Amino acid sequence: MPRGSRWLHVLVSTTTETLTAADRCDRCGAQAYVRVVLASGELLFCAHHAREHAAAYADVATSVQDETDRLLAEHGAR
């Protein structure tokens, strides 16, 4: 899959609250770039864990805020 393409095909949130460096992945503690909103709360994931668990939450998420495109903008491709 080409860099910068969206790998997640679920409803993307219109939330304007950008994830910050203070938002950490619930699995590993790395910076979170994906917020998954569920009926029972929310989960934050780094890009790696968001991809790994996408199949599990794709059908149950009420919205997904995907900011993984910031990784390329912030860290650049070398």
PDB file of N, CA and C in Angstrom:
ATOM      1  N   MET A   1       0.841  -1.167   0.000  1.00  0.00           N
ATOM      2  CA  MET A   1       0.000   0.000   0.000  1.00  0.00           C
ATOM      3  C   MET A   1       0.893   1.239   0.000  1.00  0.00           C
ATOM      4  N   PRO A   2       0.622   2.230  -0.840  1.00  0.00           N
ATOM      5  CA  PRO A   2       1.475   3.409  -0.922  1.00  0.00           C
ATOM      6  C   PRO A   2       1.471   4.209   0.365  1.00  0.00           C
ATOM      7  N   ARG A   3       2.577   4.849   0.646  1.00  0.00           N
ATOM      8  CA  ARG A   3       2.673   5.700   1.826  1.00  0.00           C
ATOM      9  C   ARG A   3       1.660   6.815   1.744  1.00  0.00           C
ATOM     10  N   GLY A   4       1.107   7.165   2.888  1.00  0.00           N
ATOM     11  CA  GLY A   4       0.163   8.249   2.963  1.00  0.00           C
ATOM     12  C   GLY A   4      -1.267   7.854   2.632  1.00  0.00           C
ATOM     13  N   SER A   5      -1.488   6.633   2.175  1.00  0.00           N
ATOM     14  CA  SER A   5      -2.855   6.220   1.857  1.00  0.00           C
ATOM     15  C   SER A   5      -3.548   5.765   3.128  1.00  0.00           C
ATOM     16  N   ARG A   6      -4.835   5.943   3.164  1.00  0.00           N
ATOM     17  CA  ARG A   6      -5.619   5.530   4.331  1.00  0.00           C
ATOM     18  C   ARG A   6      -5.861   4.035   4.265  1.00  0.00           C
ATOM     19  N   TRP A   7      -5.576   3.336   5.330  1.00  0.00           N
ATOM     20  CA  TRP A   7      -5.749   1.899   5.388  1.00  0.00           C
ATOM     21  C   TRP A   7      -7.036   1.533   6.096  1.00  0.00           C
ATOM     22  N   LEU A   8      -7.687   2.507   6.679  1.00  0.00           N
ATOM     23  CA  LEU A   8      -8.855   2.243   7.494  1.00  0.00           C
ATOM     24  C   LEU A   8     -10.091   2.759   6.781  1.00  0.00           C
ATOM     25  N   HIS A   9     -11.085   1.912   6.638  1.00  0.00           N
ATOM     26  CA  HIS A   9     -12.289   2.298   5.910  1.00  0.00           C
ATOM     27  C   HIS A   9     -13.506   2.220   6.818  1.00  0.00           C
ATOM     28  N   VAL A  10     -13.546   3.093   7.811  1.00  0.00           N
ATOM     29  CA  VAL A  10     -14.709   3.226   8.688  1.00  0.00           C
ATOM     30  C   VAL A  10     -15.018   4.710   8.793  1.00  0.00           C
ATOM     31  N   LEU A  11     -16.096   5.035   9.454  1.00  0.00           N
ATOM     32  CA  LEU A  11     -16.486   6.427   9.618  1.00  0.00           C
ATOM     33  C   LEU A  11     -15.373   7.209  10.298  1.00  0.00           C
ATOM     34  N   VAL A  12     -14.921   8.274   9.667  1.00  0.00           N
ATOM     35  CA  VAL A  12     -13.875   9.108  10.249  1.00  0.00           C
ATOM     36  C   VAL A  12     -14.540  10.261  10.975  1.00  0.00           C
ATOM     37  N   SER A  13     -14.153  10.472  12.192  1.00  0.00           N
ATOM     38  CA  SER A  13     -14.741  11.496  13.038  1.00  0.00           C
ATOM     39  C   SER A  13     -14.493  12.892  12.493  1.00  0.00           C
ATOM     40  N   THR A  14     -15.419  13.768  12.769  1.00  0.00           N
ATOM     41  CA  THR A  14     -15.237  15.177  12.419  1.00  0.00           C
ATOM     42  C   THR A  14     -14.720  15.953  13.615  1.00  0.00           C
ATOM     43  N   THR A  15     -14.263  15.256  14.629  1.00  0.00           N
ATOM     44  CA  THR A  15     -13.713  15.899  15.817  1.00  0.00           C
ATOM     45  C   THR A  15     -12.568  16.810  15.417  1.00  0.00           C
ATOM     46  N   THR A  16     -12.571  18.020  15.942  1.00  0.00           N
ATOM     47  CA  THR A  16     -11.514  18.963  15.601  1.00  0.00           C
ATOM     48  C   THR A  16     -10.395  18.954  16.636  1.00  0.00           C
ATOM     49  N   GLU A  17     -10.560  18.187  17.692  1.00  0.00           N
ATOM     50  CA  GLU A  17      -9.540  18.097  18.728  1.00  0.00           C
ATOM     51  C   GLU A  17      -8.402  17.206  18.249  1.00  0.00           C
ATOM     52  N   THR A  18      -7.300  17.817  17.861  1.00  0.00           N
ATOM     53  CA  THR A  18      -6.146  17.091  17.343  1.00  0.00           C
ATOM     54  C   THR A  18      -5.475  16.311  18.459  1.00  0.00           C
ATOM     55  N   LEU A  19      -5.045  15.114  18.147  1.00  0.00           N
ATOM     56  CA  LEU A  19      -4.275  14.328  19.109  1.00  0.00           C
ATOM     57  C   LEU A  19      -2.923  15.009  19.306  1.00  0.00           C
ATOM     58  N   THR A  20      -2.447  15.015  20.529  1.00  0.00           N
ATOM     59  CA  THR A  20      -1.175  15.666  20.846  1.00  0.00           C
ATOM     60  C   THR A  20      -0.156  14.653  21.334  1.00  0.00           C
ATOM     61  N   ALA A  21       1.042  15.105  21.588  1.00  0.00           N
ATOM     62  CA  ALA A  21       2.093  14.226  22.102  1.00  0.00           C
ATOM     63  C   ALA A  21       1.725  13.669  23.475  1.00  0.00           C
ATOM     64  N   ALA A  22       0.815  14.303  24.169  1.00  0.00           N
ATOM     65  CA  ALA A  22       0.374  13.813  25.477  1.00  0.00           C
ATOM     66  C   ALA A  22      -0.573  12.622  25.349  1.00  0.00           C
ATOM     67  N   ASP A  23      -1.174  12.440  24.176  1.00  0.00           N
ATOM     68  CA  ASP A  23      -2.063  11.300  23.940  1.00  0.00           C
ATOM     69  C   ASP A  23      -1.211  10.084  23.602  1.00  0.00           C
ATOM     70  N   ARG A  24      -1.367   9.024  24.383  1.00  0.00           N
ATOM     71  CA  ARG A  24      -0.505   7.851  24.258  1.00  0.00           C
ATOM     72  C   ARG A  24      -1.306   6.610  23.879  1.00  0.00           C
ATOM     73  N   CYS A  25      -0.685   5.731  23.141  1.00  0.00           N
ATOM     74  CA  CYS A  25      -1.283   4.473  22.714  1.00  0.00           C
ATOM     75  C   CYS A  25      -1.635   3.623  23.934  1.00  0.00           C
ATOM     76  N   ASP A  26      -2.854   3.089  23.938  1.00  0.00           N
ATOM     77  CA  ASP A  26      -3.299   2.253  25.053  1.00  0.00           C
ATOM     78  C   ASP A  26      -2.599   0.897  25.083  1.00  0.00           C
ATOM     79  N   ARG A  27      -1.954   0.494  24.024  1.00  0.00           N
ATOM     80  CA  ARG A  27      -1.254  -0.788  23.973  1.00  0.00           C
ATOM     81  C   ARG A  27       0.211  -0.677  24.375  1.00  0.00           C
ATOM     82  N   CYS A  28       0.915   0.361  23.860  1.00  0.00           N
ATOM     83  CA  CYS A  28       2.366   0.396  24.070  1.00  0.00           C
ATOM     84  C   CYS A  28       2.897   1.709  24.643  1.00  0.00           C
ATOM     85  N   GLY A  29       2.078   2.730  24.711  1.00  0.00           N
ATOM     86  CA  GLY A  29       2.519   3.995  25.276  1.00  0.00           C
ATOM     87  C   GLY A  29       3.176   4.944  24.289  1.00  0.00           C
ATOM     88  N   ALA A  30       3.286   4.561  23.021  1.00  0.00           N
ATOM     89  CA  ALA A  30       3.835   5.462  22.001  1.00  0.00           C
ATOM     90  C   ALA A  30       2.821   6.572  21.722  1.00  0.00           C
ATOM     91  N   GLN A  31       3.237   7.601  20.994  1.00  0.00           N
ATOM     92  CA  GLN A  31       2.319   8.685  20.671  1.00  0.00           C
ATOM     93  C   GLN A  31       1.140   8.142  19.866  1.00  0.00           C
ATOM     94  N   ALA A  32      -0.061   8.537  20.257  1.00  0.00           N
ATOM     95  CA  ALA A  32      -1.279   8.077  19.576  1.00  0.00           C
ATOM     96  C   ALA A  32      -1.570   8.951  18.367  1.00  0.00           C
ATOM     97  N   TYR A  33      -1.915   8.310  17.273  1.00  0.00           N
ATOM     98  CA  TYR A  33      -2.324   9.004  16.048  1.00  0.00           C
ATOM     99  C   TYR A  33      -3.722   8.587  15.610  1.00  0.00           C
ATOM    100  N   VAL A  34      -4.348   7.671  16.340  1.00  0.00           N
ATOM    101  CA  VAL A  34      -5.687   7.199  16.006  1.00  0.00           C
ATOM    102  C   VAL A  34      -6.526   7.143  17.281  1.00  0.00           C
ATOM    103  N   ARG A  35      -7.712   7.768  17.218  1.00  0.00           N
ATOM    104  CA  ARG A  35      -8.685   7.703  18.319  1.00  0.00           C
ATOM    105  C   ARG A  35      -9.873   6.896  17.816  1.00  0.00           C
ATOM    106  N   VAL A  36     -10.205   5.829  18.527  1.00  0.00           N
ATOM    107  CA  VAL A  36     -11.345   4.989  18.190  1.00  0.00           C
ATOM    108  C   VAL A  36     -12.408   5.221  19.260  1.00  0.00           C
ATOM    109  N   VAL A  37     -13.560   5.720  18.835  1.00  0.00           N
ATOM    110  CA  VAL A  37     -14.655   5.976  19.766  1.00  0.00           C
ATOM    111  C   VAL A  37     -15.634   4.811  19.695  1.00  0.00           C
ATOM    112  N   LEU A  38     -15.885   4.233  20.847  1.00  0.00           N
ATOM    113  CA  LEU A  38     -16.821   3.114  20.983  1.00  0.00           C
ATOM    114  C   LEU A  38     -17.997   3.574  21.839  1.00  0.00           C
ATOM    115  N   ALA A  39     -19.066   2.820  21.848  1.00  0.00           N
ATOM    116  CA  ALA A  39     -20.217   3.161  22.685  1.00  0.00           C
ATOM    117  C   ALA A  39     -19.830   3.231  24.159  1.00  0.00           C
ATOM    118  N   SER A  40     -18.837   2.448  24.550  1.00  0.00           N
ATOM    119  CA  SER A  40     -18.441   2.372  25.954  1.00  0.00           C
ATOM    120  C   SER A  40     -17.256   3.259  26.319  1.00  0.00           C
ATOM    121  N   GLY A  41     -16.722   4.018  25.381  1.00  0.00           N
ATOM    122  CA  GLY A  41     -15.572   4.877  25.661  1.00  0.00           C
ATOM    123  C   GLY A  41     -14.705   5.033  24.436  1.00  0.00           C
ATOM    124  N   GLU A  42     -13.436   5.341  24.651  1.00  0.00           N
ATOM    125  CA  GLU A  42     -12.531   5.513  23.522  1.00  0.00           C
ATOM    126  C   GLU A  42     -11.217   4.800  23.756  1.00  0.00           C
ATOM    127  N   LEU A  43     -10.558   4.474  22.657  1.00  0.00           N
ATOM    128  CA  LEU A  43      -9.230   3.871  22.684  1.00  0.00           C
ATOM    129  C   LEU A  43      -8.307   4.737  21.853  1.00  0.00           C
ATOM    130  N   LEU A  44      -7.058   4.847  22.280  1.00  0.00           N
ATOM    131  CA  LEU A  44      -6.043   5.567  21.524  1.00  0.00           C
ATOM    132  C   LEU A  44      -4.990   4.568  21.081  1.00  0.00           C
ATOM    133  N   PHE A  45      -4.564   4.690  19.823  1.00  0.00           N
ATOM    134  CA  PHE A  45      -3.571   3.773  19.282  1.00  0.00           C
ATOM    135  C   PHE A  45      -2.489   4.519  18.520  1.00  0.00           C
ATOM    136  N   CYS A  46      -1.271   3.995  18.571  1.00  0.00           N
ATOM    137  CA  CYS A  46      -0.228   4.420  17.644  1.00  0.00           C
ATOM    138  C   CYS A  46      -0.619   3.852  16.277  1.00  0.00           C
ATOM    139  N   ALA A  47       0.047   4.268  15.227  1.00  0.00           N
ATOM    140  CA  ALA A  47      -0.309   3.798  13.883  1.00  0.00           C
ATOM    141  C   ALA A  47      -0.173   2.277  13.773  1.00  0.00           C
ATOM    142  N   HIS A  48       0.884   1.733  14.356  1.00  0.00           N
ATOM    143  CA  HIS A  48       1.129   0.293  14.292  1.00  0.00           C
ATOM    144  C   HIS A  48      -0.027  -0.497  14.912  1.00  0.00           C
ATOM    145  N   HIS A  49      -0.405  -0.150  16.129  1.00  0.00           N
ATOM    146  CA  HIS A  49      -1.452  -0.897  16.814  1.00  0.00           C
ATOM    147  C   HIS A  49      -2.834  -0.609  16.226  1.00  0.00           C
ATOM    148  N   ALA A  50      -3.041   0.560  15.667  1.00  0.00           N
ATOM    149  CA  ALA A  50      -4.312   0.840  14.982  1.00  0.00           C
ATOM    150  C   ALA A  50      -4.473  -0.095  13.790  1.00  0.00           C
ATOM    151  N   ARG A  51      -3.409  -0.275  13.018  1.00  0.00           N
ATOM    152  CA  ARG A  51      -3.466  -1.205  11.881  1.00  0.00           C
ATOM    153  C   ARG A  51      -3.664  -2.638  12.364  1.00  0.00           C
ATOM    154  N   GLU A  52      -2.948  -3.004  13.403  1.00  0.00           N
ATOM    155  CA  GLU A  52      -3.019  -4.374  13.916  1.00  0.00           C
ATOM    156  C   GLU A  52      -4.421  -4.739  14.403  1.00  0.00           C
ATOM    157  N   HIS A  53      -5.127  -3.790  15.005  1.00  0.00           N
ATOM    158  CA  HIS A  53      -6.422  -4.074  15.613  1.00  0.00           C
ATOM    159  C   HIS A  53      -7.609  -3.533  14.808  1.00  0.00           C
ATOM    160  N   ALA A  54      -7.372  -3.022  13.618  1.00  0.00           N
ATOM    161  CA  ALA A  54      -8.434  -2.411  12.813  1.00  0.00           C
ATOM    162  C   ALA A  54      -9.607  -3.348  12.569  1.00  0.00           C
ATOM    163  N   ALA A  55      -9.346  -4.601  12.275  1.00  0.00           N
ATOM    164  CA  ALA A  55     -10.433  -5.549  12.007  1.00  0.00           C
ATOM    165  C   ALA A  55     -11.327  -5.734  13.235  1.00  0.00           C
ATOM    166  N   ALA A  56     -10.749  -5.652  14.412  1.00  0.00           N
ATOM    167  CA  ALA A  56     -11.506  -5.864  15.643  1.00  0.00           C
ATOM    168  C   ALA A  56     -12.436  -4.698  15.961  1.00  0.00           C
ATOM    169  N   TYR A  57     -12.033  -3.468  15.647  1.00  0.00           N
ATOM    170  CA  TYR A  57     -12.885  -2.341  16.005  1.00  0.00           C
ATOM    171  C   TYR A  57     -13.630  -1.724  14.824  1.00  0.00           C
ATOM    172  N   ALA A  58     -13.340  -2.111  13.626  1.00  0.00           N
ATOM    173  CA  ALA A  58     -13.965  -1.491  12.451  1.00  0.00           C
ATOM    174  C   ALA A  58     -15.490  -1.586  12.482  1.00  0.00           C
ATOM    175  N   ASP A  59     -16.031  -2.691  12.918  1.00  0.00           N
ATOM    176  CA  ASP A  59     -17.477  -2.877  12.912  1.00  0.00           C
ATOM    177  C   ASP A  59     -18.178  -2.334  14.158  1.00  0.00           C
ATOM    178  N   VAL A  60     -17.434  -2.051  15.210  1.00  0.00           N
ATOM    179  CA  VAL A  60     -18.066  -1.602  16.450  1.00  0.00           C
ATOM    180  C   VAL A  60     -17.779  -0.140  16.791  1.00  0.00           C
ATOM    181  N   ALA A  61     -16.864   0.493  16.092  1.00  0.00           N
ATOM    182  CA  ALA A  61     -16.524   1.883  16.368  1.00  0.00           C
ATOM    183  C   ALA A  61     -17.638   2.805  15.903  1.00  0.00           C
ATOM    184  N   THR A  62     -17.944   3.804  16.718  1.00  0.00           N
ATOM    185  CA  THR A  62     -18.905   4.819  16.279  1.00  0.00           C
ATOM    186  C   THR A  62     -18.210   5.868  15.424  1.00  0.00           C
ATOM    187  N   SER A  63     -16.910   6.064  15.657  1.00  0.00           N
ATOM    188  CA  SER A  63     -16.103   6.942  14.808  1.00  0.00           C
ATOM    189  C   SER A  63     -14.635   6.641  15.027  1.00  0.00           C
ATOM    190  N   VAL A  64     -13.841   7.012  14.033  1.00  0.00           N
ATOM    191  CA  VAL A  64     -12.393   6.843  14.106  1.00  0.00           C
ATOM    192  C   VAL A  64     -11.746   8.136  13.635  1.00  0.00           C
ATOM    193  N   GLN A  65     -10.893   8.682  14.467  1.00  0.00           N
ATOM    194  CA  GLN A  65     -10.123   9.873  14.112  1.00  0.00           C
ATOM    195  C   GLN A  65      -8.722   9.395  13.747  1.00  0.00           C
ATOM    196  N   ASP A  66      -8.407   9.433  12.468  1.00  0.00           N
ATOM    197  CA  ASP A  66      -7.140   8.903  11.972  1.00  0.00           C
ATOM    198  C   ASP A  66      -6.232  10.061  11.561  1.00  0.00           C
ATOM    199  N   GLU A  67      -5.158  10.270  12.306  1.00  0.00           N
ATOM    200  CA  GLU A  67      -4.199  11.334  12.015  1.00  0.00           C
ATOM    201  C   GLU A  67      -2.843  10.757  11.614  1.00  0.00           C
ATOM    202  N   THR A  68      -2.845   9.529  11.084  1.00  0.00           N
ATOM    203  CA  THR A  68      -1.577   8.894  10.719  1.00  0.00           C
ATOM    204  C   THR A  68      -0.865   9.625   9.593  1.00  0.00           C
ATOM    205  N   ASP A  69      -1.590  10.428   8.816  1.00  0.00           N
ATOM    206  CA  ASP A  69      -0.931  11.197   7.766  1.00  0.00           C
ATOM    207  C   ASP A  69       0.047  12.219   8.351  1.00  0.00           C
ATOM    208  N   ARG A  70      -0.130  12.589   9.614  1.00  0.00           N
ATOM    209  CA  ARG A  70       0.800  13.503  10.291  1.00  0.00           C
ATOM    210  C   ARG A  70       2.188  12.888  10.460  1.00  0.00           C
ATOM    211  N   LEU A  71       2.260  11.562  10.537  1.00  0.00           N
ATOM    212  CA  LEU A  71       3.564  10.906  10.693  1.00  0.00           C
ATOM    213  C   LEU A  71       4.506  11.295   9.566  1.00  0.00           C
ATOM    214  N   LEU A  72       4.030  11.247   8.351  1.00  0.00           N
ATOM    215  CA  LEU A  72       4.848  11.604   7.203  1.00  0.00           C
ATOM    216  C   LEU A  72       5.168  13.094   7.211  1.00  0.00           C
ATOM    217  N   ALA A  73       4.195  13.916   7.550  1.00  0.00           N
ATOM    218  CA  ALA A  73       4.405  15.362   7.593  1.00  0.00           C
ATOM    219  C   ALA A  73       5.397  15.752   8.680  1.00  0.00           C
ATOM    220  N   GLU A  74       5.312  15.105   9.841  1.00  0.00           N
ATOM    221  CA  GLU A  74       6.157  15.455  10.977  1.00  0.00           C
ATOM    222  C   GLU A  74       7.557  14.847  10.879  1.00  0.00           C
ATOM    223  N   HIS A  75       7.640  13.646  10.365  1.00  0.00           N
ATOM    224  CA  HIS A  75       8.923  12.935  10.372  1.00  0.00           C
ATOM    225  C   HIS A  75       9.528  12.763   8.990  1.00  0.00           C
ATOM    226  N   GLY A  76       8.732  12.986   7.955  1.00  0.00           N
ATOM    227  CA  GLY A  76       9.227  12.927   6.579  1.00  0.00           C
ATOM    228  C   GLY A  76       9.713  11.565   6.152  1.00  0.00           C
ATOM    229  N   ALA A  77       9.694  11.378   4.866  1.00  0.00           N
ATOM    230  CA  ALA A  77      10.224  10.135   4.281  1.00  0.00           C
ATOM    231  C   ALA A  77      11.667  10.386   3.877  1.00  0.00           C
ATOM    232  N   ARG A  78      12.517   9.468   4.218  1.00  0.00           N
ATOM    233  CA  ARG A  78      13.934   9.632   3.879  1.00  0.00           C
ATOM    234  C   ARG A  78      14.353   8.548   2.922  1.00  0.00           C
TER     235      ARG A  78
END
